[in-house]
Amino acid sequence: MKNFELSPDLLNLRGQFYPTGHIIAMFPDEQAARSAGQALVAGGIGEGELSLITPEVMMADVVRTVGSGDMPLPSAGTEGDTIRRFGHLAAQGHWALMIHAPENDTAERVMKALEGRHRPSHAQRYRRLVIEDLA
């Protein structure tokens, strides 16, 4: 598992965080996130497909991408609201995993590995033009 780094390919045309082909899963603390990462690797997800996002990085790098992206009118999409939800949880100390899951079968494998004790407090799957609630 690598540490998260925000790169331009994780942003939409408006400069907001929109990591197409990834799942963002939030967990109550560092241990829960790391344990979930281990469960994902055991479930067949490559360790290089996982990035750990600390609450501080979520707030400093991801949440700041909302900026004034909703101005002067709110976006028709849910990008801003989704990012603000991540920020709300990060402010409470939640950690996140960004999981590369571009295909449906990979996303299903991810969520199966996260069942039970590894269930995320919140999870979103970013697909082209759609943000899907997973947990």
Foldseek 3Di string as FASTA:
>chain_A
DAADDDDPCQADPLQAGFHAQKKKFKAQADVLAVVLLVLLVVLPADNVQKHKAWLVCLVPPHLCSVPCSCPPHGDPDCRNVVSVVSNVSSVSGIIIMIGRHNDPVSVVSSVVSCPDPSPGPWMWHHHVVDIHTDD
